[in-house]
Amino acid sequence: MIDGFRIPIGDGITSVIDAVTGALGGLFDLIAMIFTACYDGVAWALTAPPFWIVILVIAAIAVLAKGWKLALGSVIGLILIVGVDQWDKAMQTLALTLVAAMIAIVIAIPVGIWAARVPVVSAVIRPVLDFLQTMPAFVYLIPAITVFSVGVVPGIVATVLFAVAPGVRLTELGIRGVDDEVVEAGQAFGATPGRILRQIQLPLAMPSIMAGVNQVIMLSLSMVVIASMVGGPGLGKDIIQALSRVDIGLGFEAGLSVVIIAMILDRVTSGFGRRERARRTVPASSTAEQAEPVAS
């Protein structure tokens, strides 16, 4: 190491953040207002009704995703959260996770489609995605809190940055994995590129896209807990409090609640993904069975 020699990368990044914050302060205020309104709405929908109504709704979603076994397990897990007096904070964590995940998905799917259709875009965003996936999670909190101060908004922004990459990658992978012959058949029948995307590529790529959605939700939940360090609400506050006080009981209860929410979200999203794969493969297999007598 050369004495006195230092490349001022950090100083340059600080100057860029300060310049962007000063020039786009109004835009950031608008983003903060929208994110706060989204979170407040979802959190109200989860915390205002009696807990048993929310449990029944989640159980109904679990039945649609995977069946009664998942619904029963979800009900037992959610009742356990109520039993350890973590319901309100668990719903705040779930609300923050859902809002951040939805924003990340809204960004990831169009960008993934764009990257799949334009090779130059794919080449440009690939190192960006590598950077986002390898950066330590705590680092995302620094620019978020610099731009948006403390509260729920920097937690959402940091979570979106942390979770968006797998959604983009798996969407691009799914679109690129569609059989070229199927796309060429659509082109031969005169379908426009937009119609090919809507009616051929997106339906066939949906299992991969759903896998990306699952990963986005899981990463969002893991980051939401860390986001409590900058004022994000929910179970993360109890976990941080338990860590500072060495309170094993509180930490276990809050951690168990996070695990239950994570398991429910994972099983529900993977269940919908498997249903989508089954729906795509059954018509193909039935078509093959119908074709065998003709070939014979």
Protein backbone atom coordinates (compact mmCIF):
# COMPACT_ATOMS: atom_id res chain seq x y z
CA MET A 1 0.00 0.00 0.00
CA ILE A 2 1.34 3.45 -0.97
CA ASP A 3 1.40 5.91 1.95
CA GLY A 4 -0.89 8.86 1.41
CA PHE A 5 -2.48 7.39 -1.73
CA ARG A 6 -6.22 6.84 -1.71
CA ILE A 7 -8.80 6.70 -4.48
CA PRO A 8 -11.70 8.89 -3.28
CA ILE A 9 -14.53 6.68 -4.55
CA GLY A 10 -16.55 7.12 -1.38
CA ASP A 11 -16.23 10.90 -1.54
CA GLY A 12 -17.43 10.87 -5.12
CA ILE A 13 -20.46 8.73 -4.27
CA THR A 14 -21.30 11.08 -1.39
CA SER A 15 -21.13 14.07 -3.72
CA VAL A 16 -23.38 12.33 -6.26
CA ILE A 17 -25.96 11.44 -3.59
CA ASP A 18 -25.96 15.00 -2.28
CA ALA A 19 -26.39 16.40 -5.79
CA VAL A 20 -29.19 14.00 -6.66
CA THR A 21 -30.95 14.68 -3.37
CA GLY A 22 -30.78 18.42 -3.92
CA ALA A 23 -31.91 18.29 -7.55
CA LEU A 24 -34.68 15.69 -7.16
CA GLY A 25 -35.94 16.50 -3.70
CA GLY A 26 -39.50 17.02 -4.93
CA LEU A 27 -39.53 13.66 -6.72
CA PHE A 28 -38.24 11.88 -3.63
CA ASP A 29 -40.94 13.55 -1.52
CA LEU A 30 -43.56 12.29 -3.97
CA ILE A 31 -42.11 8.76 -3.85
CA ALA A 32 -42.09 8.89 -0.06
CA MET A 33 -45.73 9.99 0.01
CA ILE A 34 -46.80 7.19 -2.36
CA PHE A 35 -44.86 4.50 -0.51
CA THR A 36 -46.19 5.67 2.84
CA ALA A 37 -49.77 5.67 1.56
CA CYS A 38 -49.36 2.15 0.14
CA TYR A 39 -47.93 0.85 3.39
CA ASP A 40 -50.57 2.58 5.53
CA GLY A 41 -53.35 1.10 3.38
CA VAL A 42 -52.03 -2.47 3.48
CA ALA A 43 -51.19 -2.24 7.19
CA TRP A 44 -54.69 -0.96 7.94
CA ALA A 45 -56.25 -3.81 5.95
CA LEU A 46 -54.26 -6.34 7.98
CA THR A 47 -54.55 -4.80 11.44
CA ALA A 48 -57.99 -3.13 11.49
CA PRO A 49 -60.17 -6.28 11.19
CA PRO A 50 -60.26 -8.86 14.00
CA PHE A 51 -57.36 -11.26 13.76
CA TRP A 52 -59.61 -14.24 13.03
CA ILE A 53 -60.94 -12.60 9.87
CA VAL A 54 -57.40 -12.07 8.55
CA ILE A 55 -56.56 -15.67 9.45
CA LEU A 56 -59.59 -16.94 7.52
CA VAL A 57 -58.63 -14.87 4.46
CA ILE A 58 -55.06 -16.18 4.53
CA ALA A 59 -56.39 -19.73 4.98
CA ALA A 60 -58.63 -19.29 1.92
CA ILE A 61 -55.66 -18.13 -0.13
CA ALA A 62 -53.68 -21.14 1.11
CA VAL A 63 -56.48 -23.48 0.01
CA LEU A 64 -56.42 -21.97 -3.47
CA ALA A 65 -52.63 -22.23 -3.63
CA LYS A 66 -52.01 -25.72 -2.32
CA GLY A 67 -54.96 -27.23 -0.47
CA TRP A 68 -56.36 -27.73 3.00
CA LYS A 69 -53.12 -28.97 4.56
CA LEU A 70 -51.38 -25.66 3.91
CA ALA A 71 -54.48 -23.83 5.13
CA LEU A 72 -54.49 -25.80 8.38
CA GLY A 73 -50.79 -25.22 8.93
CA SER A 74 -51.22 -21.51 8.22
CA VAL A 75 -54.07 -21.24 10.72
CA ILE A 76 -52.04 -23.00 13.42
CA GLY A 77 -49.01 -20.81 12.77
CA LEU A 78 -51.00 -17.57 12.80
CA ILE A 79 -52.83 -18.54 15.99
CA LEU A 80 -49.41 -19.17 17.54
CA ILE A 81 -48.41 -15.63 16.56
CA VAL A 82 -51.53 -14.34 18.29
CA GLY A 83 -50.69 -16.46 21.32
CA VAL A 84 -47.26 -14.87 21.80
CA ASP A 85 -48.78 -11.38 21.42
CA GLN A 86 -46.95 -10.53 18.19
CA TRP A 87 -49.96 -10.20 15.89
CA ASP A 88 -49.91 -6.45 15.22
CA LYS A 89 -46.15 -6.36 14.65
CA ALA A 90 -46.35 -9.47 12.47
CA MET A 91 -49.01 -7.82 10.31
CA GLN A 92 -46.87 -4.67 10.06
CA THR A 93 -43.97 -6.82 8.89
CA LEU A 94 -46.25 -8.61 6.41
CA ALA A 95 -47.57 -5.28 5.11
CA LEU A 96 -44.07 -3.90 4.61
CA THR A 97 -43.02 -7.13 2.89
CA LEU A 98 -46.01 -7.13 0.54
CA VAL A 99 -45.61 -3.47 -0.43
CA ALA A 100 -41.87 -3.78 -1.06
CA ALA A 101 -42.30 -7.07 -2.93
CA MET A 102 -45.05 -5.67 -5.16
CA ILE A 103 -42.95 -2.63 -6.05
CA ALA A 104 -39.97 -4.87 -6.78
CA ILE A 105 -42.13 -7.16 -8.96
CA VAL A 106 -43.60 -4.22 -10.87
CA ILE A 107 -40.03 -3.14 -11.65
CA ALA A 108 -38.52 -6.60 -12.19
CA ILE A 109 -40.96 -8.14 -14.69
CA PRO A 110 -40.91 -5.32 -17.28
CA VAL A 111 -37.13 -4.97 -16.98
CA GLY A 112 -36.72 -8.74 -17.35
CA ILE A 113 -38.92 -8.75 -20.46
CA TRP A 114 -36.97 -5.82 -21.90
CA ALA A 115 -33.66 -7.59 -21.22
CA ALA A 116 -34.93 -10.80 -22.85
CA ARG A 117 -35.98 -8.97 -26.00
CA VAL A 118 -33.01 -6.59 -26.32
CA PRO A 119 -29.55 -8.18 -25.89
CA VAL A 120 -27.88 -4.80 -25.29
CA VAL A 121 -30.16 -4.14 -22.33
CA SER A 122 -29.34 -7.58 -20.94
CA ALA A 123 -25.62 -6.89 -21.22
CA VAL A 124 -26.02 -3.54 -19.47
CA ILE A 125 -28.19 -4.64 -16.56
CA ARG A 126 -26.34 -7.89 -15.84
CA PRO A 127 -23.46 -6.21 -13.95
CA VAL A 128 -26.00 -3.99 -12.17
CA LEU A 129 -27.85 -7.07 -10.96
CA ASP A 130 -24.57 -8.67 -9.91
CA PHE A 131 -23.79 -5.53 -7.91
CA LEU A 132 -27.21 -5.52 -6.23
CA GLN A 133 -27.03 -9.20 -5.31
CA THR A 134 -23.50 -9.12 -3.89
CA MET A 135 -23.72 -5.87 -1.93
CA PRO A 136 -24.16 -6.51 1.83
CA ALA A 137 -27.72 -5.92 2.94
CA PHE A 138 -26.86 -3.27 5.50
CA VAL A 139 -25.24 -1.07 2.85
CA TYR A 140 -28.61 -0.43 1.20
CA LEU A 141 -29.79 1.33 4.34
CA ILE A 142 -27.17 4.09 4.04
CA PRO A 143 -28.33 5.81 0.80
CA ALA A 144 -31.97 5.08 1.66
CA ILE A 145 -31.78 6.86 5.00
CA THR A 146 -29.73 9.67 3.43
CA VAL A 147 -32.42 10.39 0.85
CA PHE A 148 -35.60 9.58 2.79
CA SER A 149 -34.58 10.05 6.45
CA VAL A 150 -35.83 7.47 8.96
CA GLY A 151 -39.14 5.63 8.90
CA VAL A 152 -40.98 3.16 6.72
CA VAL A 153 -39.92 4.63 3.35
CA PRO A 154 -36.16 3.96 3.55
CA GLY A 155 -37.01 0.43 4.65
CA ILE A 156 -39.16 -0.07 1.56
CA VAL A 157 -36.54 1.44 -0.77
CA ALA A 158 -33.71 -0.64 0.68
CA THR A 159 -35.86 -3.77 0.48
CA VAL A 160 -36.76 -3.14 -3.17
CA LEU A 161 -33.11 -2.69 -4.11
CA PHE A 162 -32.16 -5.84 -2.23
CA ALA A 163 -34.93 -8.04 -3.65
CA VAL A 164 -35.41 -6.91 -7.26
CA ALA A 165 -32.50 -8.77 -8.88
CA PRO A 166 -33.84 -12.38 -8.88
CA GLY A 167 -37.15 -11.18 -10.29
CA VAL A 168 -35.38 -9.62 -13.26
CA ARG A 169 -33.11 -12.62 -13.83
CA LEU A 170 -35.82 -15.28 -13.68
CA THR A 171 -38.19 -13.26 -15.87
CA GLU A 172 -35.49 -12.88 -18.51
CA LEU A 173 -34.62 -16.57 -18.18
CA GLY A 174 -38.26 -17.58 -18.60
CA ILE A 175 -38.80 -15.44 -21.70
CA ARG A 176 -35.55 -16.65 -23.29
CA GLY A 177 -36.49 -20.26 -22.50
CA VAL A 178 -39.63 -20.21 -24.64
CA ASP A 179 -39.22 -22.50 -27.65
CA ASP A 180 -38.23 -20.52 -30.74
CA GLU A 181 -40.44 -22.71 -32.91
CA VAL A 182 -43.52 -21.66 -30.94
CA VAL A 183 -42.62 -18.00 -31.37
CA GLU A 184 -41.94 -18.51 -35.09
CA ALA A 185 -45.32 -20.20 -35.45
CA GLY A 186 -46.98 -17.14 -33.96
CA GLN A 187 -45.05 -14.91 -36.33
CA ALA A 188 -46.07 -17.10 -39.27
CA PHE A 189 -49.74 -16.54 -38.38
CA GLY A 190 -49.16 -12.79 -38.45
CA ALA A 191 -49.16 -12.11 -34.72
CA THR A 192 -47.61 -8.82 -33.63
CA PRO A 193 -44.65 -8.82 -31.21
CA GLY A 194 -46.91 -7.54 -28.45
CA ARG A 195 -49.44 -10.30 -29.02
CA ILE A 196 -46.68 -12.94 -29.12
CA LEU A 197 -45.44 -11.61 -25.78
CA ARG A 198 -48.89 -11.59 -24.16
CA GLN A 199 -50.28 -14.84 -25.55
CA ILE A 200 -47.19 -17.03 -26.06
CA GLN A 201 -44.07 -15.94 -24.22
CA LEU A 202 -45.53 -14.72 -20.93
CA PRO A 203 -47.85 -17.73 -20.42
CA LEU A 204 -45.07 -20.22 -21.20
CA ALA A 205 -42.58 -18.30 -19.04
CA MET A 206 -44.99 -17.97 -16.12
CA PRO A 207 -43.50 -20.82 -14.01
CA SER A 208 -40.09 -19.14 -14.12
CA ILE A 209 -41.64 -15.75 -13.42
CA MET A 210 -43.50 -17.19 -10.43
CA ALA A 211 -40.23 -18.61 -9.12
CA GLY A 212 -38.81 -15.10 -9.37
CA VAL A 213 -41.82 -13.71 -7.50
CA ASN A 214 -41.21 -16.27 -4.75
CA GLN A 215 -37.57 -15.23 -4.44
CA VAL A 216 -38.48 -11.54 -4.39
CA ILE A 217 -40.94 -12.09 -1.55
CA MET A 218 -38.49 -14.15 0.49
CA LEU A 219 -35.70 -11.61 0.10
CA SER A 220 -38.12 -8.80 0.91
CA LEU A 221 -39.07 -10.46 4.18
CA SER A 222 -35.45 -11.00 5.16
CA MET A 223 -34.58 -7.37 4.41
CA VAL A 224 -37.65 -5.95 6.15
CA VAL A 225 -36.32 -7.22 9.48
CA ILE A 226 -33.00 -5.47 8.85
CA ALA A 227 -34.87 -2.32 7.76
CA SER A 228 -36.15 -1.91 11.31
CA MET A 229 -32.72 -0.47 12.10
CA VAL A 230 -33.74 2.69 10.22
CA GLY A 231 -37.20 2.98 11.71
CA GLY A 232 -39.11 0.33 9.80
CA PRO A 233 -42.04 -1.07 11.78
CA GLY A 234 -42.76 -4.66 12.67
CA LEU A 235 -41.04 -7.63 14.20
CA GLY A 236 -37.57 -6.35 13.40
CA LYS A 237 -37.85 -3.83 16.23
CA ASP A 238 -38.39 -6.60 18.76
CA ILE A 239 -35.50 -8.58 17.32
CA ILE A 240 -33.17 -5.59 17.58
CA GLN A 241 -34.46 -4.84 21.07
CA ALA A 242 -33.93 -8.44 22.12
CA LEU A 243 -30.40 -8.31 20.73
CA SER A 244 -29.54 -5.13 22.65
CA ARG A 245 -31.01 -6.46 25.90
CA VAL A 246 -29.93 -10.09 25.38
CA ASP A 247 -33.61 -11.00 25.83
CA ILE A 248 -33.75 -14.59 24.60
CA GLY A 249 -37.50 -14.96 25.09
CA LEU A 250 -38.48 -11.87 23.13
CA GLY A 251 -36.01 -12.70 20.40
CA PHE A 252 -37.34 -16.23 20.07
CA GLU A 253 -40.97 -15.09 19.91
CA ALA A 254 -40.27 -12.44 17.30
CA GLY A 255 -38.01 -14.76 15.31
CA LEU A 256 -40.59 -17.54 15.41
CA SER A 257 -43.22 -15.13 14.07
CA VAL A 258 -40.92 -14.19 11.19
CA VAL A 259 -40.34 -17.87 10.40
CA ILE A 260 -44.09 -18.58 10.35
CA ILE A 261 -44.78 -15.68 7.99
CA ALA A 262 -41.88 -16.73 5.76
CA MET A 263 -43.14 -20.32 5.56
CA ILE A 264 -46.67 -19.22 4.68
CA LEU A 265 -45.50 -16.81 1.98
CA ASP A 266 -43.09 -19.37 0.55
CA ARG A 267 -45.64 -22.19 0.42
CA VAL A 268 -48.38 -20.00 -1.03
CA THR A 269 -46.23 -18.55 -3.82
CA SER A 270 -44.61 -21.90 -4.64
CA GLY A 271 -48.06 -23.50 -4.63
CA PHE A 272 -49.35 -21.04 -7.20
CA GLY A 273 -46.17 -21.61 -9.21
CA ARG A 274 -46.70 -25.38 -9.25
CA ARG A 275 -50.33 -24.94 -10.25
CA GLU A 276 -49.17 -22.76 -13.14
CA ARG A 277 -46.65 -25.39 -14.25
CA ALA A 278 -49.28 -28.12 -14.07
CA ARG A 279 -51.72 -26.02 -16.06
CA ARG A 280 -49.10 -25.54 -18.78
CA THR A 281 -48.01 -29.19 -18.97
CA VAL A 282 -51.40 -30.91 -18.86
CA PRO A 283 -52.63 -29.51 -22.20
CA ALA A 284 -49.36 -30.51 -23.85
CA SER A 285 -49.55 -34.07 -22.55
CA SER A 286 -53.20 -34.45 -23.55
CA THR A 287 -52.38 -33.22 -27.03
CA ALA A 288 -49.62 -35.80 -27.31
CA GLU A 289 -51.99 -38.57 -26.19
CA GLN A 290 -54.51 -37.52 -28.82
CA ALA A 291 -51.83 -37.53 -31.48
CA GLU A 292 -50.64 -41.09 -30.80
CA PRO A 293 -53.65 -42.89 -32.32
CA VAL A 294 -53.38 -40.72 -35.40
CA ALA A 295 -49.70 -41.60 -35.79
CA SER A 296 -50.44 -45.30 -35.37
